[in-house]
Amino acid sequence: MFKKAFLENGIPVVMEQVKDVRSVALGVWVKVGSRNELPEKNGISHFLEHMFFKGTQKRSARDIAVDTDSMGGDLNAFTSREGTTFYIKVLDEYFDKGIELLSDVFIHSTFPEEDIEKEKGIIKEEIKMVEDTPDDYIYDLFNQAIWGNDGIGQPILGRRETSKAFTREDLVNHTKKYYGTKGLVISCAGNFETDRLLDALNHNFSSLRKGSEPDKEPRPLFNSKIKVYSKELSEVHLCLGVEGMPQASKDRYVLFILNTILGGGVSSRLFQEIREKRGLAYSVYSYISSYADTGV
């Protein structure tokens, strides 16, 4: 059973003890993603996600990597349309060190100028990699088609023209505005003692600024539209979708069942009819994406 508590600075902590394991996973969840970015700043949340690992006031990028590996840990982050998450997984014996390392990366990163310029090239290659992978790129095209110019339709990685224009000032301002105690949740699961966890979190996250949550956006309109991207390939990738439900919809469990029946596994109707019966495709499935106020 999970428990909920609050740090002295107001950050909510959701935790669940799993005594049968010898590891601990800790996540810092920030309520800002590509949906909350201005068009000219599209991709800044993802860019920042990379830059948080380029060095802190007391650790170089290599120090961060070595400290993580010396614990046999996994320190990483990911960006979505409505959030950015930083997490660490370590053996329970390195519990305190893991929390200190994650907090150092999250609170004390310095965003060196030379690394910002280097990262622009890396992000450019990441965007090209997605564009060269049709079964990834099709989802960007799909979201752009149905959400149009709304923020939720923007690519998470950003665009070439926006990413190459980011400055250190842009990154610092975005961090100060959103990466604070407001609009942030910490989660923890594994083999830990609750009091020890809260003491460690209070100690390491006490200096975090307040920050602010993104402004509440109006519910985006779902557009019925066809978007085609042509490229020399031996296959055609097709994505067909309808408007879904928000994350907290009371009917979401019904939708989960329908998704399983339609395309959630090898016994689903899509898989059995299109692949097994007709042999028209190798990969066919359905999925659900739910957001704060809408879904597909």
Protein backbone atom coordinates (compact mmCIF):
# COMPACT_ATOMS: atom_id res chain seq x y z
CA MET A 1 0.00 0.00 0.00
CA PHE A 2 1.42 3.39 -0.95
CA LYS A 3 1.77 6.29 1.47
CA LYS A 4 1.79 10.03 0.90
CA ALA A 5 3.66 12.68 2.87
CA PHE A 6 4.93 16.22 2.38
CA LEU A 7 8.43 17.60 2.76
CA GLU A 8 9.03 20.69 4.89
CA ASN A 9 8.99 22.85 1.74
CA GLY A 10 5.66 21.42 0.60
CA ILE A 11 6.79 18.87 -2.01
CA PRO A 12 4.44 15.86 -2.02
CA VAL A 13 6.12 12.46 -1.72
CA VAL A 14 4.37 9.27 -2.81
CA MET A 15 6.07 6.08 -1.61
CA GLU A 16 5.60 2.35 -1.42
CA GLN A 17 7.80 -0.02 0.54
CA VAL A 18 8.68 -3.29 -1.19
CA LYS A 19 10.57 -5.26 1.43
CA ASP A 20 11.24 -8.29 -0.77
CA VAL A 21 13.69 -6.43 -3.04
CA ARG A 22 17.18 -5.04 -2.45
CA SER A 23 16.81 -1.91 -4.56
CA VAL A 24 15.22 1.53 -4.45
CA ALA A 25 13.83 3.65 -7.30
CA LEU A 26 13.32 7.38 -6.82
CA GLY A 27 11.67 9.74 -9.30
CA VAL A 28 11.27 13.52 -9.50
CA TRP A 29 8.25 14.40 -11.64
CA VAL A 30 7.98 17.96 -12.99
CA LYS A 31 4.70 19.28 -14.39
CA VAL A 32 6.11 20.78 -17.59
CA GLY A 33 6.58 19.27 -21.03
CA SER A 34 6.40 20.09 -24.72
CA ARG A 35 2.73 21.06 -24.40
CA ASN A 36 3.67 24.02 -22.20
CA GLU A 37 6.30 25.48 -24.53
CA LEU A 38 5.91 28.52 -26.75
CA PRO A 39 6.27 27.63 -30.46
CA GLU A 40 9.60 29.46 -30.65
CA LYS A 41 10.85 27.53 -27.58
CA ASN A 42 9.55 24.12 -28.67
CA GLY A 43 11.90 21.41 -27.46
CA ILE A 44 13.39 23.32 -24.52
CA SER A 45 12.13 20.84 -21.90
CA HIS A 46 13.78 17.97 -23.78
CA PHE A 47 16.95 20.03 -24.35
CA LEU A 48 17.12 20.76 -20.62
CA GLU A 49 16.63 17.09 -19.80
CA HIS A 50 19.93 16.45 -21.62
CA MET A 51 21.71 19.43 -20.05
CA PHE A 52 20.98 18.41 -16.45
CA PHE A 53 23.61 15.67 -16.84
CA LYS A 54 26.41 17.94 -18.12
CA GLY A 55 27.77 18.92 -14.73
CA THR A 56 26.87 20.51 -11.40
CA GLN A 57 28.60 22.92 -9.05
CA LYS A 58 30.64 20.04 -7.61
CA ARG A 59 30.52 17.31 -10.28
CA SER A 60 31.58 17.17 -13.90
CA ALA A 61 29.55 15.19 -16.43
CA ARG A 62 32.09 12.38 -16.06
CA ASP A 63 31.82 12.50 -12.26
CA ILE A 64 28.04 12.04 -12.56
CA ALA A 65 28.54 9.02 -14.81
CA VAL A 66 31.26 7.48 -12.61
CA ASP A 67 29.30 8.03 -9.38
CA THR A 68 26.25 6.37 -10.95
CA ASP A 69 28.19 3.38 -12.25
CA SER A 70 30.12 2.96 -8.99
CA MET A 71 26.79 2.24 -7.29
CA GLY A 72 25.65 -0.06 -10.09
CA GLY A 73 22.84 2.44 -10.54
CA ASP A 74 20.73 3.84 -13.33
CA LEU A 75 20.38 7.63 -13.48
CA ASN A 76 18.30 8.99 -16.32
CA ALA A 77 15.41 11.23 -17.39
CA PHE A 78 12.68 11.48 -19.99
CA THR A 79 10.37 14.16 -21.38
CA SER A 80 6.72 13.80 -22.35
CA ARG A 81 4.03 16.18 -23.59
CA GLU A 82 2.93 17.14 -20.08
CA GLY A 83 5.91 16.36 -17.87
CA THR A 84 9.62 15.79 -17.37
CA THR A 85 10.91 13.04 -15.09
CA PHE A 86 14.32 12.44 -13.50
CA TYR A 87 14.97 9.13 -11.77
CA ILE A 88 17.60 6.97 -10.17
CA LYS A 89 17.61 3.25 -9.35
CA VAL A 90 20.20 1.90 -6.89
CA LEU A 91 20.76 -0.96 -4.45
CA ASP A 92 19.24 -0.16 -1.06
CA GLU A 93 22.72 0.08 0.50
CA TYR A 94 23.39 3.14 -1.72
CA PHE A 95 20.04 4.73 -0.94
CA ASP A 96 21.44 7.93 0.63
CA LYS A 97 24.11 8.39 -2.06
CA GLY A 98 21.50 7.94 -4.77
CA ILE A 99 19.24 10.64 -3.34
CA GLU A 100 22.17 13.04 -2.97
CA LEU A 101 23.28 12.44 -6.57
CA LEU A 102 19.79 12.92 -8.01
CA SER A 103 19.22 16.11 -6.01
CA ASP A 104 22.61 17.49 -7.05
CA VAL A 105 21.81 16.95 -10.73
CA PHE A 106 18.31 18.38 -10.37
CA ILE A 107 19.12 21.45 -8.25
CA HIS A 108 22.75 22.37 -8.92
CA SER A 109 23.31 21.81 -12.66
CA THR A 110 25.33 24.60 -14.27
CA PHE A 111 24.55 24.24 -18.02
CA PRO A 112 28.06 25.02 -19.39
CA GLU A 113 28.02 27.14 -22.56
CA GLU A 114 30.34 24.81 -24.48
CA ASP A 115 28.11 21.83 -23.71
CA ILE A 116 25.01 23.71 -24.86
CA GLU A 117 26.55 24.21 -28.31
CA LYS A 118 27.64 20.57 -28.42
CA GLU A 119 24.20 19.38 -27.39
CA LYS A 120 22.57 21.27 -30.26
CA GLY A 121 24.32 18.91 -32.65
CA ILE A 122 23.26 15.88 -30.61
CA ILE A 123 19.61 16.99 -30.55
CA LYS A 124 19.72 17.62 -34.30
CA GLU A 125 20.91 14.05 -34.85
CA GLU A 126 18.22 12.75 -32.49
CA ILE A 127 15.54 14.55 -34.52
CA LYS A 128 16.98 13.14 -37.75
CA MET A 129 17.04 9.66 -36.20
CA VAL A 130 13.30 9.89 -35.45
CA GLU A 131 12.57 11.17 -38.95
CA ASP A 132 14.51 8.19 -40.32
CA THR A 133 12.41 5.79 -38.22
CA PRO A 134 8.89 5.76 -39.67
CA ASP A 135 7.29 3.83 -36.81
CA ASP A 136 8.48 6.63 -34.47
CA TYR A 137 7.95 9.63 -36.73
CA ILE A 138 4.37 8.67 -37.59
CA TYR A 139 3.27 9.60 -34.06
CA ASP A 140 4.71 13.11 -34.35
CA LEU A 141 2.84 13.53 -37.64
CA PHE A 142 -0.33 12.12 -36.09
CA ASN A 143 -0.21 14.54 -33.15
CA GLN A 144 0.51 17.49 -35.43
CA ALA A 145 -2.47 16.54 -37.58
CA ILE A 146 -5.06 16.14 -34.82
CA TRP A 147 -3.96 18.95 -32.49
CA GLY A 148 -2.84 21.49 -35.11
CA ASN A 149 -1.06 24.52 -33.66
CA ASP A 150 -1.98 23.70 -30.08
CA GLY A 151 0.98 23.06 -27.77
CA ILE A 152 0.02 19.43 -27.28
CA GLY A 153 0.67 18.82 -30.97
CA GLN A 154 4.28 20.01 -30.83
CA PRO A 155 7.07 17.41 -31.14
CA ILE A 156 8.66 16.55 -27.79
CA LEU A 157 12.16 16.75 -29.26
CA GLY A 158 11.47 20.19 -30.71
CA ARG A 159 12.44 21.36 -34.17
CA ARG A 160 15.81 21.99 -35.75
CA GLU A 161 15.25 25.73 -35.97
CA THR A 162 14.16 26.09 -32.33
CA SER A 163 16.80 23.80 -30.82
CA LYS A 164 19.71 25.54 -32.53
CA ALA A 165 18.56 28.92 -31.17
CA PHE A 166 18.49 28.06 -27.45
CA THR A 167 20.78 30.10 -25.20
CA ARG A 168 21.96 29.44 -21.67
CA GLU A 169 19.67 32.25 -20.53
CA ASP A 170 16.69 30.41 -22.07
CA LEU A 171 17.58 27.25 -20.16
CA VAL A 172 18.14 29.04 -16.85
CA ASN A 173 14.86 30.98 -17.15
CA HIS A 174 12.88 27.84 -17.97
CA THR A 175 14.45 26.04 -15.01
CA LYS A 176 13.79 28.87 -12.55
CA LYS A 177 10.19 29.16 -13.70
CA TYR A 178 9.10 25.52 -13.67
CA TYR A 179 11.62 23.30 -11.85
CA GLY A 180 10.65 24.20 -8.31
CA THR A 181 8.61 22.91 -5.39
CA LYS A 182 5.32 23.90 -7.03
CA GLY A 183 4.14 21.47 -9.68
CA LEU A 184 6.61 18.80 -8.57
CA VAL A 185 6.11 15.33 -7.08
CA ILE A 186 8.70 12.88 -5.72
CA SER A 187 7.98 9.15 -5.82
CA CYS A 188 9.86 6.26 -4.28
CA ALA A 189 9.46 2.48 -4.34
CA GLY A 190 11.65 -0.29 -2.98
CA ASN A 191 13.38 -1.37 0.22
CA PHE A 192 13.63 1.75 2.40
CA GLU A 193 12.56 3.09 5.79
CA THR A 194 9.98 5.88 5.57
CA ASP A 195 11.52 8.15 8.22
CA ARG A 196 14.98 7.78 6.73
CA LEU A 197 13.63 8.55 3.26
CA LEU A 198 11.86 11.73 4.36
CA ASP A 199 14.90 12.89 6.35
CA ALA A 200 17.16 12.40 3.31
CA LEU A 201 14.72 14.18 0.99
CA ASN A 202 14.26 17.11 3.38
CA HIS A 203 18.03 17.46 3.67
CA ASN A 204 18.77 17.27 -0.05
CA PHE A 205 15.78 19.14 -1.52
CA SER A 206 15.45 21.91 1.09
CA SER A 207 17.21 24.48 -1.13
CA LEU A 208 14.87 24.01 -4.09
CA ARG A 209 13.24 27.24 -5.27
CA LYS A 210 9.44 27.58 -5.29
CA GLY A 211 8.90 27.94 -9.05
CA SER A 212 5.46 27.90 -10.65
CA GLU A 213 3.12 25.58 -12.50
CA PRO A 214 2.40 26.06 -16.21
CA ASP A 215 -0.70 28.10 -17.01
CA LYS A 216 -3.80 25.99 -17.50
CA GLU A 217 -4.37 25.59 -21.23
CA PRO A 218 -7.84 25.49 -22.81
CA ARG A 219 -8.92 22.02 -23.89
CA PRO A 220 -7.47 21.42 -27.38
CA LEU A 221 -9.79 20.80 -30.31
CA PHE A 222 -9.50 17.43 -32.04
CA ASN A 223 -9.10 17.91 -35.80
CA SER A 224 -10.13 15.30 -38.34
CA LYS A 225 -7.31 15.57 -40.84
CA ILE A 226 -5.04 13.53 -43.08
CA LYS A 227 -1.28 14.15 -42.99
CA VAL A 228 1.06 12.39 -45.42
CA TYR A 229 4.86 12.22 -45.35
CA SER A 230 6.50 10.62 -48.38
CA LYS A 231 9.87 8.89 -48.23
CA GLU A 232 11.64 6.17 -50.23
CA LEU A 233 10.83 3.07 -48.16
CA SER A 234 9.64 -0.46 -48.79
CA GLU A 235 6.76 -0.16 -46.32
CA VAL A 236 3.85 2.16 -45.59
CA HIS A 237 3.13 3.11 -41.97
CA LEU A 238 -0.43 4.16 -41.13
CA CYS A 239 -1.79 5.70 -37.93
CA LEU A 240 -5.56 6.12 -37.56
CA GLY A 241 -7.05 7.64 -34.42
CA VAL A 242 -10.10 9.08 -32.71
CA GLU A 243 -10.53 11.36 -29.72
CA GLY A 244 -10.06 9.54 -26.42
CA MET A 245 -10.43 10.32 -22.73
CA PRO A 246 -8.53 12.39 -20.15
CA GLN A 247 -6.32 10.56 -17.65
CA ALA A 248 -8.80 10.82 -14.79
CA SER A 249 -11.96 9.97 -16.75
CA LYS A 250 -14.25 7.61 -14.81
CA ASP A 251 -14.68 5.60 -18.02
CA ARG A 252 -10.96 5.03 -18.58
CA TYR A 253 -11.08 1.39 -17.44
CA VAL A 254 -13.74 0.64 -20.05
CA LEU A 255 -11.40 2.15 -22.64
CA PHE A 256 -8.52 -0.04 -21.39
CA ILE A 257 -10.65 -3.14 -21.96
CA LEU A 258 -11.75 -1.98 -25.42
CA ASN A 259 -8.14 -1.29 -26.36
CA THR A 260 -7.12 -4.80 -25.27
CA ILE A 261 -9.90 -6.34 -27.35
CA LEU A 262 -9.16 -4.22 -30.42
CA GLY A 263 -5.38 -4.30 -30.62
CA GLY A 264 -3.76 -4.98 -27.26
CA GLY A 265 -2.19 -8.36 -27.95
CA VAL A 266 -1.81 -11.33 -30.28
CA SER A 267 -5.40 -12.46 -29.66
CA SER A 268 -6.81 -9.00 -30.44
CA ARG A 269 -9.13 -8.45 -33.37
CA LEU A 270 -6.69 -6.31 -35.33
CA PHE A 271 -3.84 -8.81 -34.95
CA GLN A 272 -5.95 -11.84 -35.76
CA GLU A 273 -7.71 -10.29 -38.75
CA ILE A 274 -4.97 -8.22 -40.40
CA ARG A 275 -1.89 -10.32 -39.65
CA GLU A 276 -2.99 -13.87 -38.94
CA LYS A 277 -6.00 -14.15 -41.25
CA ARG A 278 -5.08 -11.86 -44.15
CA GLY A 279 -1.29 -11.60 -43.84
CA LEU A 280 -1.34 -7.90 -44.74
CA ALA A 281 1.07 -6.58 -42.09
CA TYR A 282 3.72 -7.71 -39.63
CA SER A 283 2.92 -5.14 -36.93
CA VAL A 284 -0.60 -3.98 -36.08
CA TYR A 285 -1.89 -2.76 -32.72
CA SER A 286 -3.90 -0.11 -30.89
CA TYR A 287 -2.85 2.12 -28.00
CA ILE A 288 -4.16 4.83 -25.70
CA SER A 289 -2.59 8.22 -24.95
CA SER A 290 -4.33 10.16 -22.19
CA TYR A 291 -3.58 13.70 -21.05
CA ALA A 292 -4.91 16.05 -18.37
CA ASP A 293 -7.95 17.16 -20.38
CA THR A 294 -8.10 15.00 -23.50
CA GLY A 295 -6.71 11.89 -25.14
CA VAL A 296 -6.48 9.71 -28.27
